[in-house]
């Protein structure tokens, strides 16, 4: 039996302790640290989309929210 590749693994919500499948990609950057074109990605399930988005938005980091199938390749 072979190990699954990253493309085969389910995308999981980034909220601490959550293991639910991700349905949203919250694309963000910290303008003090990142080039304006760079985007980092947090994944969110339906239950955590609002709380993760509010956390990023309160800091001025949130740039866009897209459905996971439309998300570009995830960046670290």
N, C-alpha and C. Protein backbone atom coordinates (compact mmCIF):
# COMPACT_ATOMS: atom_id res chain seq x y z
N UNK A 1 0.84 -1.17 0.00
CA UNK A 1 0.00 0.00 0.00
C UNK A 1 0.88 1.24 0.00
N UNK A 2 0.53 2.23 -0.80
CA UNK A 2 1.34 3.44 -0.88
C UNK A 2 0.73 4.54 -0.03
N UNK A 3 1.56 5.48 0.38
CA UNK A 3 1.09 6.64 1.14
C UNK A 3 0.41 7.61 0.20
N UNK A 4 -0.63 8.28 0.67
CA UNK A 4 -1.29 9.26 -0.20
C UNK A 4 -0.38 10.45 -0.45
N UNK A 5 -0.48 11.01 -1.63
CA UNK A 5 0.27 12.21 -1.94
C UNK A 5 -0.50 13.40 -1.41
N UNK A 6 0.14 14.56 -1.22
CA UNK A 6 -0.58 15.73 -0.72
C UNK A 6 -1.83 16.06 -1.53
N UNK A 7 -1.81 15.84 -2.83
CA UNK A 7 -2.97 16.15 -3.67
C UNK A 7 -4.14 15.21 -3.36
N UNK A 8 -3.84 14.01 -2.84
CA UNK A 8 -4.88 13.03 -2.51
C UNK A 8 -5.50 13.26 -1.14
N UNK A 9 -4.82 14.02 -0.27
CA UNK A 9 -5.29 14.22 1.08
C UNK A 9 -6.38 15.29 1.11
N UNK A 10 -7.34 15.11 1.99
CA UNK A 10 -8.40 16.09 2.16
C UNK A 10 -7.83 17.36 2.78
N UNK A 11 -8.31 18.50 2.34
CA UNK A 11 -7.89 19.77 2.91
C UNK A 11 -8.69 19.99 4.19
N UNK A 12 -8.00 20.31 5.28
CA UNK A 12 -8.59 20.42 6.61
C UNK A 12 -8.58 21.87 7.06
N UNK A 13 -9.60 22.25 7.79
CA UNK A 13 -9.74 23.60 8.35
C UNK A 13 -8.50 23.97 9.17
N UNK A 14 -8.08 25.23 9.09
CA UNK A 14 -6.91 25.73 9.82
C UNK A 14 -7.21 26.13 11.26
N UNK A 15 -8.48 26.17 11.65
CA UNK A 15 -8.82 26.55 13.03
C UNK A 15 -8.23 25.53 14.00
N UNK A 16 -7.72 26.02 15.11
CA UNK A 16 -7.08 25.15 16.10
C UNK A 16 -8.03 24.04 16.55
N UNK A 17 -7.58 22.80 16.43
CA UNK A 17 -8.34 21.65 16.89
C UNK A 17 -9.43 21.17 15.95
N UNK A 18 -9.70 21.90 14.87
CA UNK A 18 -10.76 21.51 13.95
C UNK A 18 -10.21 20.51 12.93
N UNK A 19 -10.95 19.46 12.66
CA UNK A 19 -10.54 18.45 11.68
C UNK A 19 -11.55 18.36 10.54
N UNK A 20 -12.44 19.35 10.44
CA UNK A 20 -13.48 19.35 9.40
C UNK A 20 -12.87 19.67 8.04
N UNK A 21 -13.47 19.17 6.98
CA UNK A 21 -12.99 19.49 5.64
C UNK A 21 -13.11 20.99 5.36
N UNK A 22 -12.11 21.53 4.71
CA UNK A 22 -12.12 22.95 4.36
C UNK A 22 -12.98 23.18 3.12
N UNK A 23 -13.76 24.25 3.15
CA UNK A 23 -14.56 24.64 1.99
C UNK A 23 -14.23 26.06 1.54
N UNK A 24 -13.48 26.80 2.35
CA UNK A 24 -13.10 28.17 2.02
C UNK A 24 -11.59 28.34 2.13
N UNK A 25 -11.02 29.17 1.26
CA UNK A 25 -9.62 29.56 1.33
C UNK A 25 -9.59 31.06 1.63
N UNK A 26 -9.04 31.42 2.78
CA UNK A 26 -8.90 32.82 3.16
C UNK A 26 -7.50 33.25 2.77
N UNK A 27 -7.41 34.11 1.79
CA UNK A 27 -6.11 34.53 1.24
C UNK A 27 -5.73 35.84 1.90
N UNK A 28 -4.52 35.90 2.45
CA UNK A 28 -4.12 37.05 3.23
C UNK A 28 -2.64 37.34 3.09
N UNK A 29 -2.25 38.51 3.57
CA UNK A 29 -0.83 38.82 3.75
C UNK A 29 -0.69 39.88 4.82
N UNK A 30 0.47 39.93 5.42
CA UNK A 30 0.82 40.96 6.39
C UNK A 30 1.66 41.98 5.63
N UNK A 31 1.14 43.17 5.37
CA UNK A 31 1.87 44.13 4.54
C UNK A 31 3.20 44.57 5.14
N UNK A 32 3.39 44.39 6.43
CA UNK A 32 4.69 44.74 7.03
C UNK A 32 5.75 43.67 6.76
N UNK A 33 5.31 42.47 6.43
CA UNK A 33 6.25 41.37 6.21
C UNK A 33 6.30 40.85 4.78
N UNK A 34 5.18 40.96 4.05
CA UNK A 34 5.06 40.33 2.75
C UNK A 34 4.93 41.36 1.63
N UNK A 35 5.47 41.01 0.48
CA UNK A 35 5.26 41.80 -0.73
C UNK A 35 3.76 41.89 -1.00
N UNK A 36 3.30 42.98 -1.58
CA UNK A 36 1.86 43.18 -1.79
C UNK A 36 1.22 42.09 -2.65
N UNK A 37 1.98 41.45 -3.52
CA UNK A 37 1.43 40.42 -4.39
C UNK A 37 1.39 39.05 -3.71
N UNK A 38 2.12 38.86 -2.63
CA UNK A 38 2.17 37.56 -1.96
C UNK A 38 0.86 37.29 -1.22
N UNK A 39 0.42 36.05 -1.28
CA UNK A 39 -0.77 35.63 -0.55
C UNK A 39 -0.47 34.35 0.21
N UNK A 40 -0.78 34.36 1.49
CA UNK A 40 -0.75 33.15 2.30
C UNK A 40 -2.18 32.66 2.37
N UNK A 41 -2.38 31.41 2.73
CA UNK A 41 -3.73 30.84 2.72
C UNK A 41 -4.01 30.12 4.03
N UNK A 42 -5.15 30.46 4.60
CA UNK A 42 -5.73 29.68 5.69
C UNK A 42 -6.95 29.00 5.11
N UNK A 43 -7.18 27.78 5.50
CA UNK A 43 -8.36 27.04 5.06
C UNK A 43 -9.41 27.07 6.16
N UNK A 44 -10.68 27.11 5.77
CA UNK A 44 -11.75 27.18 6.77
C UNK A 44 -12.90 26.27 6.39
N UNK A 45 -13.47 25.63 7.41
CA UNK A 45 -14.73 24.91 7.23
C UNK A 45 -15.85 25.95 7.30
N UNK A 46 -17.07 25.52 7.05
CA UNK A 46 -18.20 26.45 7.09
C UNK A 46 -18.35 27.09 8.47
N UNK A 47 -18.08 26.34 9.54
CA UNK A 47 -18.24 26.86 10.90
C UNK A 47 -17.18 27.89 11.29
N UNK A 48 -15.98 27.81 10.72
CA UNK A 48 -14.89 28.71 11.13
C UNK A 48 -14.56 29.80 10.11
N UNK A 49 -15.25 29.85 8.99
CA UNK A 49 -14.97 30.86 7.98
C UNK A 49 -15.09 32.28 8.55
N UNK A 50 -16.15 32.53 9.31
CA UNK A 50 -16.37 33.87 9.84
C UNK A 50 -15.35 34.24 10.92
N UNK A 51 -15.08 33.34 11.86
CA UNK A 51 -14.15 33.68 12.94
C UNK A 51 -12.72 33.84 12.44
N UNK A 52 -12.27 32.97 11.54
CA UNK A 52 -10.92 33.14 10.99
C UNK A 52 -10.83 34.40 10.14
N UNK A 53 -11.87 34.67 9.35
CA UNK A 53 -11.90 35.88 8.53
C UNK A 53 -11.89 37.13 9.39
N UNK A 54 -12.66 37.13 10.50
CA UNK A 54 -12.71 38.29 11.38
C UNK A 54 -11.34 38.54 12.03
N UNK A 55 -10.65 37.47 12.42
CA UNK A 55 -9.32 37.59 13.00
C UNK A 55 -8.37 38.28 12.02
N UNK A 56 -8.35 37.81 10.78
CA UNK A 56 -7.47 38.40 9.77
C UNK A 56 -7.89 39.82 9.40
N UNK A 57 -9.20 40.03 9.26
CA UNK A 57 -9.70 41.34 8.86
C UNK A 57 -9.43 42.41 9.91
N UNK A 58 -9.53 42.06 11.19
CA UNK A 58 -9.27 43.01 12.28
C UNK A 58 -7.83 43.53 12.24
N UNK A 59 -6.93 42.76 11.68
CA UNK A 59 -5.53 43.15 11.57
C UNK A 59 -5.18 43.76 10.22
N UNK A 60 -6.17 43.83 9.33
CA UNK A 60 -5.93 44.38 7.99
C UNK A 60 -5.21 43.42 7.07
N UNK A 61 -5.27 42.11 7.38
CA UNK A 61 -4.53 41.12 6.59
C UNK A 61 -5.38 40.44 5.51
N UNK A 62 -6.69 40.33 5.72
CA UNK A 62 -7.54 39.57 4.80
C UNK A 62 -7.62 40.26 3.44
N UNK A 63 -7.35 39.51 2.37
CA UNK A 63 -7.38 40.06 1.02
C UNK A 63 -8.55 39.52 0.21
N UNK A 64 -8.85 38.22 0.35
CA UNK A 64 -9.97 37.64 -0.38
C UNK A 64 -10.36 36.30 0.24
N UNK A 65 -11.60 35.91 0.01
CA UNK A 65 -12.10 34.60 0.43
C UNK A 65 -12.68 33.94 -0.80
N UNK A 66 -12.20 32.73 -1.09
CA UNK A 66 -12.67 31.99 -2.26
C UNK A 66 -13.02 30.56 -1.85
N UNK A 67 -13.89 29.94 -2.60
CA UNK A 67 -14.19 28.54 -2.38
C UNK A 67 -12.95 27.71 -2.67
N UNK A 68 -12.72 26.67 -1.92
CA UNK A 68 -11.50 25.86 -2.05
C UNK A 68 -11.25 25.38 -3.48
N UNK A 69 -12.23 24.88 -4.24
CA UNK A 69 -11.92 24.42 -5.59
C UNK A 69 -11.36 25.53 -6.50
N UNK A 70 -11.62 26.80 -6.18
CA UNK A 70 -11.11 27.91 -6.98
C UNK A 70 -9.78 28.45 -6.46
N UNK A 71 -9.34 27.93 -5.34
CA UNK A 71 -8.10 28.44 -4.73
C UNK A 71 -6.89 28.03 -5.54
N UNK A 72 -5.94 28.96 -5.71
CA UNK A 72 -4.68 28.58 -6.35
C UNK A 72 -3.89 27.65 -5.43
N UNK A 73 -2.77 27.17 -5.89
CA UNK A 73 -1.93 26.30 -5.09
C UNK A 73 -1.62 26.99 -3.76
N UNK A 74 -1.72 26.23 -2.68
CA UNK A 74 -1.50 26.81 -1.36
C UNK A 74 -0.04 27.17 -1.16
N UNK A 75 0.17 28.29 -0.50
CA UNK A 75 1.51 28.74 -0.17
C UNK A 75 1.72 28.54 1.32
N UNK A 76 2.96 28.35 1.70
CA UNK A 76 3.28 28.17 3.12
C UNK A 76 3.33 29.44 3.90
